[in-house]
Amino acid sequence: LDPELWSNEAMALVWNNKGIALSFL
């Protein structure tokens, strides 16, 4: 991953949205 594009905040967003999808299931 390009660290300039994928900052901690961006990765946190990915984890959060994966969590939301898992909760729907």
mmCIF file of all heavy atoms, coordinates in Angstrom:
data_MODEL
# 
_entry.id   MODEL 
# 
loop_
_atom_site.group_PDB 
_atom_site.id 
_atom_site.type_symbol 
_atom_site.label_atom_id 
_atom_site.label_alt_id 
_atom_site.label_comp_id 
_atom_site.label_asym_id 
_atom_site.label_entity_id 
_atom_site.label_seq_id 
_atom_site.pdbx_PDB_ins_code 
_atom_site.Cartn_x 
_atom_site.Cartn_y 
_atom_site.Cartn_z 
_atom_site.occupancy 
_atom_site.B_iso_or_equiv 
_atom_site.pdbx_formal_charge 
_atom_site.auth_seq_id 
_atom_site.auth_comp_id 
_atom_site.auth_asym_id 
_atom_site.auth_atom_id 
_atom_site.pdbx_PDB_model_num 
ATOM 1   N N   . LEU A 1 1  ? 0.829   -1.196  0.000  1.00 0.00 ? 1  LEU A N   1 
ATOM 2   C CA  . LEU A 1 1  ? 0.000   0.000   0.000  1.00 0.00 ? 1  LEU A CA  1 
ATOM 3   C C   . LEU A 1 1  ? 0.872   1.257   0.000  1.00 0.00 ? 1  LEU A C   1 
ATOM 4   O O   . LEU A 1 1  ? 1.897   1.309   0.687  1.00 0.00 ? 1  LEU A O   1 
ATOM 5   C CB  . LEU A 1 1  ? -0.915  0.012   1.220  1.00 0.00 ? 1  LEU A CB  1 
ATOM 6   C CG  . LEU A 1 1  ? -2.012  -1.060  1.290  1.00 0.00 ? 1  LEU A CG  1 
ATOM 7   C CD1 . LEU A 1 1  ? -2.693  -1.011  2.644  1.00 0.00 ? 1  LEU A CD1 1 
ATOM 8   C CD2 . LEU A 1 1  ? -3.030  -0.873  0.169  1.00 0.00 ? 1  LEU A CD2 1 
ATOM 9   N N   . ASP A 1 2  ? 0.455   2.241   -0.758 1.00 0.00 ? 2  ASP A N   1 
ATOM 10  C CA  . ASP A 1 2  ? 1.146   3.527   -0.794 1.00 0.00 ? 2  ASP A CA  1 
ATOM 11  C C   . ASP A 1 2  ? 0.828   4.268   0.507  1.00 0.00 ? 2  ASP A C   1 
ATOM 12  O O   . ASP A 1 2  ? -0.324  4.650   0.741  1.00 0.00 ? 2  ASP A O   1 
ATOM 13  C CB  . ASP A 1 2  ? 0.664   4.339   -1.996 1.00 0.00 ? 2  ASP A CB  1 
ATOM 14  C CG  . ASP A 1 2  ? 1.385   5.672   -2.135 1.00 0.00 ? 2  ASP A CG  1 
ATOM 15  O OD1 . ASP A 1 2  ? 2.039   6.102   -1.163 1.00 0.00 ? 2  ASP A OD1 1 
ATOM 16  O OD2 . ASP A 1 2  ? 1.281   6.279   -3.219 1.00 0.00 ? 2  ASP A OD2 1 
ATOM 17  N N   . PRO A 1 3  ? 1.821   4.513   1.371  1.00 0.00 ? 3  PRO A N   1 
ATOM 18  C CA  . PRO A 1 3  ? 1.558   5.142   2.673  1.00 0.00 ? 3  PRO A CA  1 
ATOM 19  C C   . PRO A 1 3  ? 0.995   6.557   2.563  1.00 0.00 ? 3  PRO A C   1 
ATOM 20  O O   . PRO A 1 3  ? 0.342   7.038   3.491  1.00 0.00 ? 3  PRO A O   1 
ATOM 21  C CB  . PRO A 1 3  ? 2.929   5.145   3.359  1.00 0.00 ? 3  PRO A CB  1 
ATOM 22  C CG  . PRO A 1 3  ? 3.919   5.004   2.253  1.00 0.00 ? 3  PRO A CG  1 
ATOM 23  C CD  . PRO A 1 3  ? 3.247   4.197   1.189  1.00 0.00 ? 3  PRO A CD  1 
ATOM 24  N N   . GLU A 1 4  ? 1.251   7.219   1.433  1.00 0.00 ? 4  GLU A N   1 
ATOM 25  C CA  . GLU A 1 4  ? 0.703   8.558   1.260  1.00 0.00 ? 4  GLU A CA  1 
ATOM 26  C C   . GLU A 1 4  ? -0.803  8.511   1.004  1.00 0.00 ? 4  GLU A C   1 
ATOM 27  O O   . GLU A 1 4  ? -1.537  9.412   1.403  1.00 0.00 ? 4  GLU A O   1 
ATOM 28  C CB  . GLU A 1 4  ? 1.407   9.274   0.109  1.00 0.00 ? 4  GLU A CB  1 
ATOM 29  C CG  . GLU A 1 4  ? 2.879   9.595   0.406  1.00 0.00 ? 4  GLU A CG  1 
ATOM 30  C CD  . GLU A 1 4  ? 3.500   10.447  -0.681 1.00 0.00 ? 4  GLU A CD  1 
ATOM 31  O OE1 . GLU A 1 4  ? 2.767   10.861  -1.609 1.00 0.00 ? 4  GLU A OE1 1 
ATOM 32  O OE2 . GLU A 1 4  ? 4.716   10.687  -0.613 1.00 0.00 ? 4  GLU A OE2 1 
ATOM 33  N N   . LEU A 1 5  ? -1.240  7.444   0.344  1.00 0.00 ? 5  LEU A N   1 
ATOM 34  C CA  . LEU A 1 5  ? -2.670  7.283   0.076  1.00 0.00 ? 5  LEU A CA  1 
ATOM 35  C C   . LEU A 1 5  ? -3.378  6.573   1.225  1.00 0.00 ? 5  LEU A C   1 
ATOM 36  O O   . LEU A 1 5  ? -4.526  6.885   1.553  1.00 0.00 ? 5  LEU A O   1 
ATOM 37  C CB  . LEU A 1 5  ? -2.883  6.496   -1.221 1.00 0.00 ? 5  LEU A CB  1 
ATOM 38  C CG  . LEU A 1 5  ? -2.523  7.198   -2.528 1.00 0.00 ? 5  LEU A CG  1 
ATOM 39  C CD1 . LEU A 1 5  ? -2.674  6.224   -3.697 1.00 0.00 ? 5  LEU A CD1 1 
ATOM 40  C CD2 . LEU A 1 5  ? -3.421  8.412   -2.746 1.00 0.00 ? 5  LEU A CD2 1 
ATOM 41  N N   . TRP A 1 6  ? -2.681  5.625   1.812  1.00 0.00 ? 6  TRP A N   1 
ATOM 42  C CA  . TRP A 1 6  ? -3.307  4.778   2.812  1.00 0.00 ? 6  TRP A CA  1 
ATOM 43  C C   . TRP A 1 6  ? -2.749  5.096   4.197  1.00 0.00 ? 6  TRP A C   1 
ATOM 44  O O   . TRP A 1 6  ? -2.013  4.328   4.789  1.00 0.00 ? 6  TRP A O   1 
ATOM 45  C CB  . TRP A 1 6  ? -3.118  3.300   2.442  1.00 0.00 ? 6  TRP A CB  1 
ATOM 46  C CG  . TRP A 1 6  ? -3.805  2.985   1.148  1.00 0.00 ? 6  TRP A CG  1 
ATOM 47  C CD1 . TRP A 1 6  ? -3.254  2.944   -0.092 1.00 0.00 ? 6  TRP A CD1 1 
ATOM 48  C CD2 . TRP A 1 6  ? -5.194  2.731   0.978  1.00 0.00 ? 6  TRP A CD2 1 
ATOM 49  N NE1 . TRP A 1 6  ? -4.208  2.671   -1.043 1.00 0.00 ? 6  TRP A NE1 1 
ATOM 50  C CE2 . TRP A 1 6  ? -5.408  2.525   -0.421 1.00 0.00 ? 6  TRP A CE2 1 
ATOM 51  C CE3 . TRP A 1 6  ? -6.289  2.647   1.847  1.00 0.00 ? 6  TRP A CE3 1 
ATOM 52  C CZ2 . TRP A 1 6  ? -6.667  2.263   -0.937 1.00 0.00 ? 6  TRP A CZ2 1 
ATOM 53  C CZ3 . TRP A 1 6  ? -7.536  2.379   1.324  1.00 0.00 ? 6  TRP A CZ3 1 
ATOM 54  C CH2 . TRP A 1 6  ? -7.715  2.181   -0.049 1.00 0.00 ? 6  TRP A CH2 1 
ATOM 55  N N   . SER A 1 7  ? -3.144  6.268   4.680  1.00 0.00 ? 7  SER A N   1 
ATOM 56  C CA  . SER A 1 7  ? -2.763  6.711   6.020  1.00 0.00 ? 7  SER A CA  1 
ATOM 57  C C   . SER A 1 7  ? -3.507  5.889   7.073  1.00 0.00 ? 7  SER A C   1 
ATOM 58  O O   . SER A 1 7  ? -4.387  5.082   6.752  1.00 0.00 ? 7  SER A O   1 
ATOM 59  C CB  . SER A 1 7  ? -3.119  8.192   6.190  1.00 0.00 ? 7  SER A CB  1 
ATOM 60  O OG  . SER A 1 7  ? -4.533  8.360   6.071  1.00 0.00 ? 7  SER A OG  1 
ATOM 61  N N   . ASN A 1 8  ? -3.179  6.135   8.342  1.00 0.00 ? 8  ASN A N   1 
ATOM 62  C CA  . ASN A 1 8  ? -3.896  5.457   9.423  1.00 0.00 ? 8  ASN A CA  1 
ATOM 63  C C   . ASN A 1 8  ? -5.386  5.747   9.365  1.00 0.00 ? 8  ASN A C   1 
ATOM 64  O O   . ASN A 1 8  ? -6.222  4.867   9.593  1.00 0.00 ? 8  ASN A O   1 
ATOM 65  C CB  . ASN A 1 8  ? -3.338  5.892   10.776 1.00 0.00 ? 8  ASN A CB  1 
ATOM 66  C CG  . ASN A 1 8  ? -2.043  5.182   11.122 1.00 0.00 ? 8  ASN A CG  1 
ATOM 67  O OD1 . ASN A 1 8  ? -1.611  4.265   10.424 1.00 0.00 ? 8  ASN A OD1 1 
ATOM 68  N ND2 . ASN A 1 8  ? -1.401  5.615   12.195 1.00 0.00 ? 8  ASN A ND2 1 
ATOM 69  N N   . GLU A 1 9  ? -5.744  7.006   9.050  1.00 0.00 ? 9  GLU A N   1 
ATOM 70  C CA  . GLU A 1 9  ? -7.151  7.378   8.970  1.00 0.00 ? 9  GLU A CA  1 
ATOM 71  C C   . GLU A 1 9  ? -7.871  6.623   7.855  1.00 0.00 ? 9  GLU A C   1 
ATOM 72  O O   . GLU A 1 9  ? -9.010  6.177   8.018  1.00 0.00 ? 9  GLU A O   1 
ATOM 73  C CB  . GLU A 1 9  ? -7.294  8.884   8.753  1.00 0.00 ? 9  GLU A CB  1 
ATOM 74  C CG  . GLU A 1 9  ? -6.922  9.737   9.958  1.00 0.00 ? 9  GLU A CG  1 
ATOM 75  C CD  . GLU A 1 9  ? -5.423  9.901   10.134 1.00 0.00 ? 9  GLU A CD  1 
ATOM 76  O OE1 . GLU A 1 9  ? -4.657  9.471   9.231  1.00 0.00 ? 9  GLU A OE1 1 
ATOM 77  O OE2 . GLU A 1 9  ? -5.007  10.443  11.174 1.00 0.00 ? 9  GLU A OE2 1 
ATOM 78  N N   . ALA A 1 10 ? -7.178  6.454   6.712  1.00 0.00 ? 10 ALA A N   1 
ATOM 79  C CA  . ALA A 1 10 ? -7.781  5.735   5.590  1.00 0.00 ? 10 ALA A CA  1 
ATOM 80  C C   . ALA A 1 10 ? -7.965  4.262   5.928  1.00 0.00 ? 10 ALA A C   1 
ATOM 81  O O   . ALA A 1 10 ? -9.008  3.665   5.633  1.00 0.00 ? 10 ALA A O   1 
ATOM 82  C CB  . ALA A 1 10 ? -6.917  5.884   4.339  1.00 0.00 ? 10 ALA A CB  1 
ATOM 83  N N   . MET A 1 11 ? -6.965  3.673   6.572  1.00 0.00 ? 11 MET A N   1 
ATOM 84  C CA  . MET A 1 11 ? -7.071  2.262   6.946  1.00 0.00 ? 11 MET A CA  1 
ATOM 85  C C   . MET A 1 11 ? -8.125  2.060   8.035  1.00 0.00 ? 11 MET A C   1 
ATOM 86  O O   . MET A 1 11 ? -8.812  1.045   8.064  1.00 0.00 ? 11 MET A O   1 
ATOM 87  C CB  . MET A 1 11 ? -5.711  1.736   7.410  1.00 0.00 ? 11 MET A CB  1 
ATOM 88  C CG  . MET A 1 11 ? -4.649  1.719   6.318  1.00 0.00 ? 11 MET A CG  1 
ATOM 89  S SD  . MET A 1 11 ? -5.159  0.799   4.844  1.00 0.00 ? 11 MET A SD  1 
ATOM 90  C CE  . MET A 1 11 ? -5.248  -0.871  5.488  1.00 0.00 ? 11 MET A CE  1 
ATOM 91  N N   . ALA A 1 12 ? -8.235  3.049   8.922  1.00 0.00 ? 12 ALA A N   1 
ATOM 92  C CA  . ALA A 1 12 ? -9.287  2.982   9.950  1.00 0.00 ? 12 ALA A CA  1 
ATOM 93  C C   . ALA A 1 12 ? -10.662 2.961   9.300  1.00 0.00 ? 12 ALA A C   1 
ATOM 94  O O   . ALA A 1 12 ? -11.567 2.240   9.749  1.00 0.00 ? 12 ALA A O   1 
ATOM 95  C CB  . ALA A 1 12 ? -9.161  4.170   10.903 1.00 0.00 ? 12 ALA A CB  1 
ATOM 96  N N   . LEU A 1 13 ? -10.812 3.735   8.220  1.00 0.00 ? 13 LEU A N   1 
ATOM 97  C CA  . LEU A 1 13 ? -12.079 3.756   7.488  1.00 0.00 ? 13 LEU A CA  1 
ATOM 98  C C   . LEU A 1 13 ? -12.378 2.387   6.875  1.00 0.00 ? 13 LEU A C   1 
ATOM 99  O O   . LEU A 1 13 ? -13.534 1.926   6.890  1.00 0.00 ? 13 LEU A O   1 
ATOM 100 C CB  . LEU A 1 13 ? -12.022 4.827   6.397  1.00 0.00 ? 13 LEU A CB  1 
ATOM 101 C CG  . LEU A 1 13 ? -13.281 5.009   5.548  1.00 0.00 ? 13 LEU A CG  1 
ATOM 102 C CD1 . LEU A 1 13 ? -14.450 5.487   6.401  1.00 0.00 ? 13 LEU A CD1 1 
ATOM 103 C CD2 . LEU A 1 13 ? -13.018 5.996   4.411  1.00 0.00 ? 13 LEU A CD2 1 
ATOM 104 N N   . VAL A 1 14 ? -11.367 1.735   6.365  1.00 0.00 ? 14 VAL A N   1 
ATOM 105 C CA  . VAL A 1 14 ? -11.546 0.400   5.784  1.00 0.00 ? 14 VAL A CA  1 
ATOM 106 C C   . VAL A 1 14 ? -11.986 -0.591  6.860  1.00 0.00 ? 14 VAL A C   1 
ATOM 107 O O   . VAL A 1 14 ? -12.947 -1.350  6.677  1.00 0.00 ? 14 VAL A O   1 
ATOM 108 C CB  . VAL A 1 14 ? -10.247 -0.080  5.105  1.00 0.00 ? 14 VAL A CB  1 
ATOM 109 C CG1 . VAL A 1 14 ? -10.394 -1.534  4.629  1.00 0.00 ? 14 VAL A CG1 1 
ATOM 110 C CG2 . VAL A 1 14 ? -9.896  0.816   3.923  1.00 0.00 ? 14 VAL A CG2 1 
ATOM 111 N N   . TRP A 1 15 ? -11.285 -0.582  8.002  1.00 0.00 ? 15 TRP A N   1 
ATOM 112 C CA  . TRP A 1 15 ? -11.648 -1.485  9.093  1.00 0.00 ? 15 TRP A CA  1 
ATOM 113 C C   . TRP A 1 15 ? -13.084 -1.229  9.566  1.00 0.00 ? 15 TRP A C   1 
ATOM 114 O O   . TRP A 1 15 ? -13.844 -2.164  9.820  1.00 0.00 ? 15 TRP A O   1 
ATOM 115 C CB  . TRP A 1 15 ? -10.689 -1.312  10.269 1.00 0.00 ? 15 TRP A CB  1 
ATOM 116 C CG  . TRP A 1 15 ? -9.395  -2.049  10.150 1.00 0.00 ? 15 TRP A CG  1 
ATOM 117 C CD1 . TRP A 1 15 ? -8.147  -1.509  10.009 1.00 0.00 ? 15 TRP A CD1 1 
ATOM 118 C CD2 . TRP A 1 15 ? -9.208  -3.471  10.175 1.00 0.00 ? 15 TRP A CD2 1 
ATOM 119 N NE1 . TRP A 1 15 ? -7.204  -2.495  9.933  1.00 0.00 ? 15 TRP A NE1 1 
ATOM 120 C CE2 . TRP A 1 15 ? -7.823  -3.721  10.040 1.00 0.00 ? 15 TRP A CE2 1 
ATOM 121 C CE3 . TRP A 1 15 ? -10.070 -4.558  10.287 1.00 0.00 ? 15 TRP A CE3 1 
ATOM 122 C CZ2 . TRP A 1 15 ? -7.277  -5.005  10.029 1.00 0.00 ? 15 TRP A CZ2 1 
ATOM 123 C CZ3 . TRP A 1 15 ? -9.537  -5.843  10.274 1.00 0.00 ? 15 TRP A CZ3 1 
ATOM 124 C CH2 . TRP A 1 15 ? -8.164  -6.051  10.148 1.00 0.00 ? 15 TRP A CH2 1 
ATOM 125 N N   . ASN A 1 16 ? -13.442 0.051   9.689  1.00 0.00 ? 16 ASN A N   1 
ATOM 126 C CA  . ASN A 1 16 ? -14.784 0.395   10.150 1.00 0.00 ? 16 ASN A CA  1 
ATOM 127 C C   . ASN A 1 16 ? -15.848 -0.128  9.200  1.00 0.00 ? 16 ASN A C   1 
ATOM 128 O O   . ASN A 1 16 ? -16.841 -0.728  9.621  1.00 0.00 ? 16 ASN A O   1 
ATOM 129 C CB  . ASN A 1 16 ? -14.911 1.918   10.292 1.00 0.00 ? 16 ASN A CB  1 
ATOM 130 C CG  . ASN A 1 16 ? -16.296 2.337   10.738 1.00 0.00 ? 16 ASN A CG  1 
ATOM 131 O OD1 . ASN A 1 16 ? -16.845 1.822   11.707 1.00 0.00 ? 16 ASN A OD1 1 
ATOM 132 N ND2 . ASN A 1 16 ? -16.879 3.276   10.017 1.00 0.00 ? 16 ASN A ND2 1 
ATOM 133 N N   . ASN A 1 17 ? -15.640 0.094   7.909  1.00 0.00 ? 17 ASN A N   1 
ATOM 134 C CA  . ASN A 1 17 ? -16.655 -0.318  6.939  1.00 0.00 ? 17 ASN A CA  1 
ATOM 135 C C   . ASN A 1 17 ? -16.721 -1.840  6.784  1.00 0.00 ? 17 ASN A C   1 
ATOM 136 O O   . ASN A 1 17 ? -17.801 -2.385  6.527  1.00 0.00 ? 17 ASN A O   1 
ATOM 137 C CB  . ASN A 1 17 ? -16.397 0.359   5.601  1.00 0.00 ? 17 ASN A CB  1 
ATOM 138 C CG  . ASN A 1 17 ? -16.871 1.794   5.592  1.00 0.00 ? 17 ASN A CG  1 
ATOM 139 O OD1 . ASN A 1 17 ? -18.054 2.074   5.443  1.00 0.00 ? 17 ASN A OD1 1 
ATOM 140 N ND2 . ASN A 1 17 ? -15.946 2.729   5.788  1.00 0.00 ? 17 ASN A ND2 1 
ATOM 141 N N   . LYS A 1 18 ? -15.601 -2.508  6.971  1.00 0.00 ? 18 LYS A N   1 
ATOM 142 C CA  . LYS A 1 18 ? -15.651 -3.975  6.996  1.00 0.00 ? 18 LYS A CA  1 
ATOM 143 C C   . LYS A 1 18 ? -16.462 -4.434  8.205  1.00 0.00 ? 18 LYS A C   1 
ATOM 144 O O   . LYS A 1 18 ? -17.279 -5.364  8.112  1.00 0.00 ? 18 LYS A O   1 
ATOM 145 C CB  . LYS A 1 18 ? -14.242 -4.569  7.043  1.00 0.00 ? 18 LYS A CB  1 
ATOM 146 C CG  . LYS A 1 18 ? -14.241 -6.088  7.025  1.00 0.00 ? 18 LYS A CG  1 
ATOM 147 C CD  . LYS A 1 18 ? -12.838 -6.672  7.050  1.00 0.00 ? 18 LYS A CD  1 
ATOM 148 C CE  . LYS A 1 18 ? -12.881 -8.204  7.075  1.00 0.00 ? 18 LYS A CE  1 
ATOM 149 N NZ  . LYS A 1 18 ? -11.528 -8.816  7.133  1.00 0.00 ? 18 LYS A NZ  1 
ATOM 150 N N   . GLY A 1 19 ? -16.271 -3.754  9.339  1.00 0.00 ? 19 GLY A N   1 
ATOM 151 C CA  . GLY A 1 19 ? -17.033 -4.094  10.542 1.00 0.00 ? 19 GLY A CA  1 
ATOM 152 C C   . GLY A 1 19 ? -18.526 -3.896  10.348 1.00 0.00 ? 19 GLY A C   1 
ATOM 153 O O   . GLY A 1 19 ? -19.335 -4.721  10.782 1.00 0.00 ? 19 GLY A O   1 
ATOM 154 N N   . ILE A 1 20 ? -18.898 -2.811  9.680  1.00 0.00 ? 20 ILE A N   1 
ATOM 155 C CA  . ILE A 1 20 ? -20.318 -2.553  9.412  1.00 0.00 ? 20 ILE A CA  1 
ATOM 156 C C   . ILE A 1 20 ? -20.910 -3.658  8.551  1.00 0.00 ? 20 ILE A C   1 
ATOM 157 O O   . ILE A 1 20 ? -22.010 -4.162  8.810  1.00 0.00 ? 20 ILE A O   1 
ATOM 158 C CB  . ILE A 1 20 ? -20.496 -1.182  8.724  1.00 0.00 ? 20 ILE A CB  1 
ATOM 159 C CG1 . ILE A 1 20 ? -20.141 -0.053  9.689  1.00 0.00 ? 20 ILE A CG1 1 
ATOM 160 C CG2 . ILE A 1 20 ? -21.929 -1.010  8.223  1.00 0.00 ? 20 ILE A CG2 1 
ATOM 161 C CD1 . ILE A 1 20 ? -20.061 1.312   9.040  1.00 0.00 ? 20 ILE A CD1 1 
ATOM 162 N N   . ALA A 1 21 ? -20.170 -4.058  7.509  1.00 0.00 ? 21 ALA A N   1 
ATOM 163 C CA  . ALA A 1 21 ? -20.651 -5.121  6.621  1.00 0.00 ? 21 ALA A CA  1 
ATOM 164 C C   . ALA A 1 21 ? -20.802 -6.437  7.382  1.00 0.00 ? 21 ALA A C   1 
ATOM 165 O O   . ALA A 1 21 ? -21.782 -7.167  7.193  1.00 0.00 ? 21 ALA A O   1 
ATOM 166 C CB  . ALA A 1 21 ? -19.691 -5.289  5.445  1.00 0.00 ? 21 ALA A CB  1 
ATOM 167 N N   . LEU A 1 22 ? -19.846 -6.737  8.242  1.00 0.00 ? 22 LEU A N   1 
ATOM 168 C CA  . LEU A 1 22 ? -19.928 -7.970  9.044  1.00 0.00 ? 22 LEU A CA  1 
ATOM 169 C C   . LEU A 1 22 ? -21.139 -7.928  9.978  1.00 0.00 ? 22 LEU A C   1 
ATOM 170 O O   . LEU A 1 22 ? -21.820 -8.938  10.176 1.00 0.00 ? 22 LEU A O   1 
ATOM 171 C CB  . LEU A 1 22 ? -18.642 -8.155  9.852  1.00 0.00 ? 22 LEU A CB  1 
ATOM 172 C CG  . LEU A 1 22 ? -17.416 -8.617  9.056  1.00 0.00 ? 22 LEU A CG  1 
ATOM 173 C CD1 . LEU A 1 22 ? -16.143 -8.388  9.859  1.00 0.00 ? 22 LEU A CD1 1 
ATOM 174 C CD2 . LEU A 1 22 ? -17.546 -10.093 8.676  1.00 0.00 ? 22 LEU A CD2 1 
ATOM 175 N N   . SER A 1 23 ? -21.421 -6.755  10.543 1.00 0.00 ? 23 SER A N   1 
ATOM 176 C CA  . SER A 1 23 ? -22.569 -6.646  11.454 1.00 0.00 ? 23 SER A CA  1 
ATOM 177 C C   . SER A 1 23 ? -23.880 -6.867  10.710 1.00 0.00 ? 23 SER A C   1 
ATOM 178 O O   . SER A 1 23 ? -24.829 -7.421  11.267 1.00 0.00 ? 23 SER A O   1 
ATOM 179 C CB  . SER A 1 23 ? -22.562 -5.281  12.156 1.00 0.00 ? 23 SER A CB  1 
ATOM 180 O OG  . SER A 1 23 ? -22.861 -4.238  11.254 1.00 0.00 ? 23 SER A OG  1 
ATOM 181 N N   . PHE A 1 24 ? -23.944 -6.461  9.434  1.00 0.00 ? 24 PHE A N   1 
ATOM 182 C CA  . PHE A 1 24 ? -25.145 -6.708  8.634  1.00 0.00 ? 24 PHE A CA  1 
ATOM 183 C C   . PHE A 1 24 ? -25.375 -8.198  8.445  1.00 0.00 ? 24 PHE A C   1 
ATOM 184 O O   . PHE A 1 24 ? -26.518 -8.648  8.277  1.00 0.00 ? 24 PHE A O   1 
ATOM 185 C CB  . PHE A 1 24 ? -25.022 -6.025  7.270  1.00 0.00 ? 24 PHE A CB  1 
ATOM 186 C CG  . PHE A 1 24 ? -25.484 -4.603  7.251  1.00 0.00 ? 24 PHE A CG  1 
ATOM 187 C CD1 . PHE A 1 24 ? -24.590 -3.572  7.006  1.00 0.00 ? 24 PHE A CD1 1 
ATOM 188 C CD2 . PHE A 1 24 ? -26.807 -4.276  7.487  1.00 0.00 ? 24 PHE A CD2 1 
ATOM 189 C CE1 . PHE A 1 24 ? -25.003 -2.258  6.995  1.00 0.00 ? 24 PHE A CE1 1 
ATOM 190 C CE2 . PHE A 1 24 ? -27.239 -2.958  7.475  1.00 0.00 ? 24 PHE A CE2 1 
ATOM 191 C CZ  . PHE A 1 24 ? -26.333 -1.945  7.230  1.00 0.00 ? 24 PHE A CZ  1 
ATOM 192 N N   . LEU A 1 25 ? -24.302 -8.975  8.462  1.00 0.00 ? 25 LEU A N   1 
ATOM 193 C CA  . LEU A 1 25 ? -24.406 -10.428 8.297  1.00 0.00 ? 25 LEU A CA  1 
ATOM 194 C C   . LEU A 1 25 ? -24.569 -11.144 9.629  1.00 0.00 ? 25 LEU A C   1 
ATOM 195 O O   . LEU A 1 25 ? -24.613 -12.372 9.673  1.00 0.00 ? 25 LEU A O   1 
ATOM 196 C CB  . LEU A 1 25 ? -23.166 -10.958 7.574  1.00 0.00 ? 25 LEU A CB  1 
ATOM 197 C CG  . LEU A 1 25 ? -22.961 -10.475 6.135  1.00 0.00 ? 25 LEU A CG  1 
ATOM 198 C CD1 . LEU A 1 25 ? -21.631 -10.984 5.591  1.00 0.00 ? 25 LEU A CD1 1 
ATOM 199 C CD2 . LEU A 1 25 ? -24.105 -10.942 5.236  1.00 0.00 ? 25 LEU A CD2 1 
# 
